[in-house]
Amino acid sequence: MKSTSDSVYTAAKGKRFATTLAVAFAVLAAIGYLRHRPTTSIAFGTLAIFFQAAALAIPARLEPVERAWMGLAHAMSRVTTPVFMSIVYFVVLTPIGLVRRLVAGNPLVHKPVANSYWVGRKKLEKAAARSRMERQF
């Protein structure tokens, strides 16, 4: 069975890749221009023009460029993903858990006075119980 990396690199794939980069670099060039950063704007604008020209002229030959670009993206994600997830855990989830335990206690701790973990419910009439089961959510 062929994997996606063994498939033939088509002109459509190359054109889509290069056009996506051209648009992204054009947006970055516009942001640089609006922030009065001429060097940044020229650099990103040049890259946008280069990739759009490559999309029009040689889209089928952009496979090595796309492989290098995706390799860089994977290398960056190996670093940024654990950092980002650590920040989310320690800045968002940990304070929420601490506040919940301070306010409501730990719901997993068994109360010594209780005989079981079951939550007691009051008895319902048959009609009320049936209607409750028909519309569970």
C-alpha atoms as a PDB file:
ATOM      1  CA  MET A   1       0.000   0.000   0.000  1.00  0.00           C
ATOM      2  CA  LYS A   2       1.329   3.443  -0.906  1.00  0.00           C
ATOM      3  CA  SER A   3       1.578   6.121   1.709  1.00  0.00           C
ATOM      4  CA  THR A   4       0.827   9.757   1.016  1.00  0.00           C
ATOM      5  CA  SER A   5       4.535  10.595   0.893  1.00  0.00           C
ATOM      6  CA  ASP A   6       5.032   8.108  -1.974  1.00  0.00           C
ATOM      7  CA  SER A   7       2.323   9.678  -4.131  1.00  0.00           C
ATOM      8  CA  VAL A   8       3.235  11.672  -7.213  1.00  0.00           C
ATOM      9  CA  TYR A   9       3.719  15.361  -6.606  1.00  0.00           C
ATOM     10  CA  THR A  10       1.362  17.133  -8.965  1.00  0.00           C
ATOM     11  CA  ALA A  11       1.312  20.659 -10.307  1.00  0.00           C
ATOM     12  CA  ALA A  12      -1.937  21.281  -8.417  1.00  0.00           C
ATOM     13  CA  LYS A  13      -0.262  20.429  -5.084  1.00  0.00           C
ATOM     14  CA  GLY A  14       2.657  22.704  -5.878  1.00  0.00           C
ATOM     15  CA  LYS A  15       0.397  25.548  -6.960  1.00  0.00           C
ATOM     16  CA  ARG A  16      -1.726  25.240  -3.807  1.00  0.00           C
ATOM     17  CA  PHE A  17       1.372  25.184  -1.574  1.00  0.00           C
ATOM     18  CA  ALA A  18       3.065  28.145  -3.267  1.00  0.00           C
ATOM     19  CA  THR A  19      -0.115  30.218  -3.438  1.00  0.00           C
ATOM     20  CA  THR A  20      -0.796  29.625   0.254  1.00  0.00           C
ATOM     21  CA  LEU A  21       2.694  30.817   1.138  1.00  0.00           C
ATOM     22  CA  ALA A  22       2.395  33.776  -1.232  1.00  0.00           C
ATOM     23  CA  VAL A  23      -0.836  34.911   0.442  1.00  0.00           C
ATOM     24  CA  ALA A  24       0.630  34.437   3.940  1.00  0.00           C
ATOM     25  CA  PHE A  25       3.757  36.404   3.066  1.00  0.00           C
ATOM     26  CA  ALA A  26       1.657  39.118   1.401  1.00  0.00           C
ATOM     27  CA  VAL A  27      -0.377  39.490   4.603  1.00  0.00           C
ATOM     28  CA  LEU A  28       2.844  39.736   6.624  1.00  0.00           C
ATOM     29  CA  ALA A  29       4.166  42.321   4.152  1.00  0.00           C
ATOM     30  CA  ALA A  30       0.977  44.369   4.554  1.00  0.00           C
ATOM     31  CA  ILE A  31       1.259  44.212   8.327  1.00  0.00           C
ATOM     32  CA  GLY A  32       4.889  45.368   8.085  1.00  0.00           C
ATOM     33  CA  TYR A  33       3.861  48.204   5.793  1.00  0.00           C
ATOM     34  CA  LEU A  34       1.068  49.319   8.116  1.00  0.00           C
ATOM     35  CA  ARG A  35       3.471  49.292  11.063  1.00  0.00           C
ATOM     36  CA  HIS A  36       6.007  51.396   9.141  1.00  0.00           C
ATOM     37  CA  ARG A  37       8.620  48.623   8.903  1.00  0.00           C
ATOM     38  CA  PRO A  38       9.923  49.018   5.364  1.00  0.00           C
ATOM     39  CA  THR A  39      12.614  46.317   5.564  1.00  0.00           C
ATOM     40  CA  THR A  40      10.177  43.732   6.881  1.00  0.00           C
ATOM     41  CA  SER A  41       7.573  44.729   4.337  1.00  0.00           C
ATOM     42  CA  ILE A  42      10.023  44.479   1.421  1.00  0.00           C
ATOM     43  CA  ALA A  43      11.381  41.114   2.593  1.00  0.00           C
ATOM     44  CA  PHE A  44       7.953  39.523   2.993  1.00  0.00           C
ATOM     45  CA  GLY A  45       6.687  41.154  -0.208  1.00  0.00           C
ATOM     46  CA  THR A  46       9.641  39.725  -2.120  1.00  0.00           C
ATOM     47  CA  LEU A  47       8.925  36.257  -0.731  1.00  0.00           C
ATOM     48  CA  ALA A  48       5.253  36.617  -1.676  1.00  0.00           C
ATOM     49  CA  ILE A  49       6.169  37.569  -5.249  1.00  0.00           C
ATOM     50  CA  PHE A  50       8.716  34.740  -5.463  1.00  0.00           C
ATOM     51  CA  PHE A  51       6.249  32.080  -4.317  1.00  0.00           C
ATOM     52  CA  GLN A  52       3.444  33.362  -6.540  1.00  0.00           C
ATOM     53  CA  ALA A  53       5.818  33.355  -9.526  1.00  0.00           C
ATOM     54  CA  ALA A  54       6.857  29.797  -8.635  1.00  0.00           C
ATOM     55  CA  ALA A  55       3.188  28.796  -8.388  1.00  0.00           C
ATOM     56  CA  LEU A  56       2.608  30.071 -11.903  1.00  0.00           C
ATOM     57  CA  ALA A  57       5.884  28.992 -13.539  1.00  0.00           C
ATOM     58  CA  ILE A  58       7.089  25.744 -11.936  1.00  0.00           C
ATOM     59  CA  PRO A  59       4.406  24.313  -9.606  1.00  0.00           C
ATOM     60  CA  ALA A  60       5.348  20.678 -10.241  1.00  0.00           C
ATOM     61  CA  ARG A  61       8.960  21.236  -9.164  1.00  0.00           C
ATOM     62  CA  LEU A  62       8.198  22.633  -5.697  1.00  0.00           C
ATOM     63  CA  GLU A  63       8.245  19.277  -3.911  1.00  0.00           C
ATOM     64  CA  PRO A  64      11.704  19.771  -2.287  1.00  0.00           C
ATOM     65  CA  VAL A  65      10.671  23.227  -1.089  1.00  0.00           C
ATOM     66  CA  GLU A  66       7.450  21.867   0.397  1.00  0.00           C
ATOM     67  CA  ARG A  67       9.278  18.971   2.064  1.00  0.00           C
ATOM     68  CA  ALA A  68      11.792  21.369   3.625  1.00  0.00           C
ATOM     69  CA  TRP A  69       9.002  23.714   4.721  1.00  0.00           C
ATOM     70  CA  MET A  70       7.024  20.882   6.312  1.00  0.00           C
ATOM     71  CA  GLY A  71      10.179  19.511   7.952  1.00  0.00           C
ATOM     72  CA  LEU A  72      10.762  22.910   9.534  1.00  0.00           C
ATOM     73  CA  ALA A  73       7.116  23.029  10.629  1.00  0.00           C
ATOM     74  CA  HIS A  74       7.361  19.584  12.256  1.00  0.00           C
ATOM     75  CA  ALA A  75      10.592  20.525  14.037  1.00  0.00           C
ATOM     76  CA  MET A  76       9.000  23.707  15.374  1.00  0.00           C
ATOM     77  CA  SER A  77       5.896  21.833  16.521  1.00  0.00           C
ATOM     78  CA  ARG A  78       8.019  19.371  18.506  1.00  0.00           C
ATOM     79  CA  VAL A  79       9.185  22.335  20.597  1.00  0.00           C
ATOM     80  CA  THR A  80       6.161  24.632  20.683  1.00  0.00           C
ATOM     81  CA  THR A  81       3.451  22.053  21.367  1.00  0.00           C
ATOM     82  CA  PRO A  82       4.837  20.853  24.736  1.00  0.00           C
ATOM     83  CA  VAL A  83       5.560  24.444  25.757  1.00  0.00           C
ATOM     84  CA  PHE A  84       2.061  25.599  24.832  1.00  0.00           C
ATOM     85  CA  MET A  85       0.362  22.628  26.478  1.00  0.00           C
ATOM     86  CA  SER A  86       2.416  23.151  29.655  1.00  0.00           C
ATOM     87  CA  ILE A  87       1.345  26.783  29.769  1.00  0.00           C
ATOM     88  CA  VAL A  88      -2.297  25.783  29.316  1.00  0.00           C
ATOM     89  CA  TYR A  89      -2.007  23.167  32.051  1.00  0.00           C
ATOM     90  CA  PHE A  90      -0.282  25.337  34.641  1.00  0.00           C
ATOM     91  CA  VAL A  91      -1.987  28.673  33.851  1.00  0.00           C
ATOM     92  CA  VAL A  92      -5.530  27.461  33.129  1.00  0.00           C
ATOM     93  CA  LEU A  93      -6.244  23.967  34.432  1.00  0.00           C
ATOM     94  CA  THR A  94      -4.266  23.984  37.683  1.00  0.00           C
ATOM     95  CA  PRO A  95      -5.878  27.182  39.071  1.00  0.00           C
ATOM     96  CA  ILE A  96      -9.331  25.906  38.106  1.00  0.00           C
ATOM     97  CA  GLY A  97      -8.674  22.637  39.929  1.00  0.00           C
ATOM     98  CA  LEU A  98      -7.334  24.405  43.017  1.00  0.00           C
ATOM     99  CA  VAL A  99     -10.301  26.783  43.203  1.00  0.00           C
ATOM    100  CA  ARG A 100     -12.732  23.883  42.710  1.00  0.00           C
ATOM    101  CA  ARG A 101     -11.160  21.900  45.530  1.00  0.00           C
ATOM    102  CA  LEU A 102     -11.135  24.918  47.848  1.00  0.00           C
ATOM    103  CA  VAL A 103     -14.781  25.702  47.144  1.00  0.00           C
ATOM    104  CA  ALA A 104     -16.401  22.295  46.704  1.00  0.00           C
ATOM    105  CA  GLY A 105     -13.891  19.801  48.055  1.00  0.00           C
ATOM    106  CA  ASN A 106     -12.717  16.696  46.270  1.00  0.00           C
ATOM    107  CA  PRO A 107     -15.656  14.800  44.723  1.00  0.00           C
ATOM    108  CA  LEU A 108     -13.625  11.580  44.531  1.00  0.00           C
ATOM    109  CA  VAL A 109     -13.101  11.268  48.275  1.00  0.00           C
ATOM    110  CA  HIS A 110     -15.547   8.858  49.920  1.00  0.00           C
ATOM    111  CA  LYS A 111     -17.342  10.318  52.897  1.00  0.00           C
ATOM    112  CA  PRO A 112     -16.874   8.002  55.893  1.00  0.00           C
ATOM    113  CA  VAL A 113     -20.508   8.369  57.018  1.00  0.00           C
ATOM    114  CA  ALA A 114     -21.880   7.131  53.692  1.00  0.00           C
ATOM    115  CA  ASN A 115     -22.472   3.431  53.182  1.00  0.00           C
ATOM    116  CA  SER A 116     -21.879   3.547  49.438  1.00  0.00           C
ATOM    117  CA  TYR A 117     -20.910   5.789  46.580  1.00  0.00           C
ATOM    118  CA  TRP A 118     -24.423   5.802  45.155  1.00  0.00           C
ATOM    119  CA  VAL A 119     -26.230   9.126  45.152  1.00  0.00           C
ATOM    120  CA  GLY A 120     -29.670   8.904  46.711  1.00  0.00           C
ATOM    121  CA  ARG A 121     -32.605   9.981  44.561  1.00  0.00           C
ATOM    122  CA  LYS A 122     -36.219  10.458  45.507  1.00  0.00           C
ATOM    123  CA  LYS A 123     -38.810   8.105  44.029  1.00  0.00           C
ATOM    124  CA  LEU A 124     -40.726   9.390  41.015  1.00  0.00           C
ATOM    125  CA  GLU A 125     -44.185   8.443  39.851  1.00  0.00           C
ATOM    126  CA  LYS A 126     -44.271   6.054  36.882  1.00  0.00           C
ATOM    127  CA  ALA A 127     -45.407   8.745  34.431  1.00  0.00           C
ATOM    128  CA  ALA A 128     -42.721  11.174  35.585  1.00  0.00           C
ATOM    129  CA  ALA A 129     -40.051   8.480  35.452  1.00  0.00           C
ATOM    130  CA  ARG A 130     -41.121   7.424  31.952  1.00  0.00           C
ATOM    131  CA  SER A 131     -41.112  11.011  30.624  1.00  0.00           C
ATOM    132  CA  ARG A 132     -37.682  11.548  32.145  1.00  0.00           C
ATOM    133  CA  MET A 133     -36.291   8.510  30.311  1.00  0.00           C
ATOM    134  CA  GLU A 134     -37.845   9.540  26.984  1.00  0.00           C
ATOM    135  CA  ARG A 135     -36.007  12.877  26.960  1.00  0.00           C
ATOM    136  CA  GLN A 136     -32.626  12.129  28.473  1.00  0.00           C
ATOM    137  CA  PHE A 137     -30.715  15.056  27.064  1.00  0.00           C
END
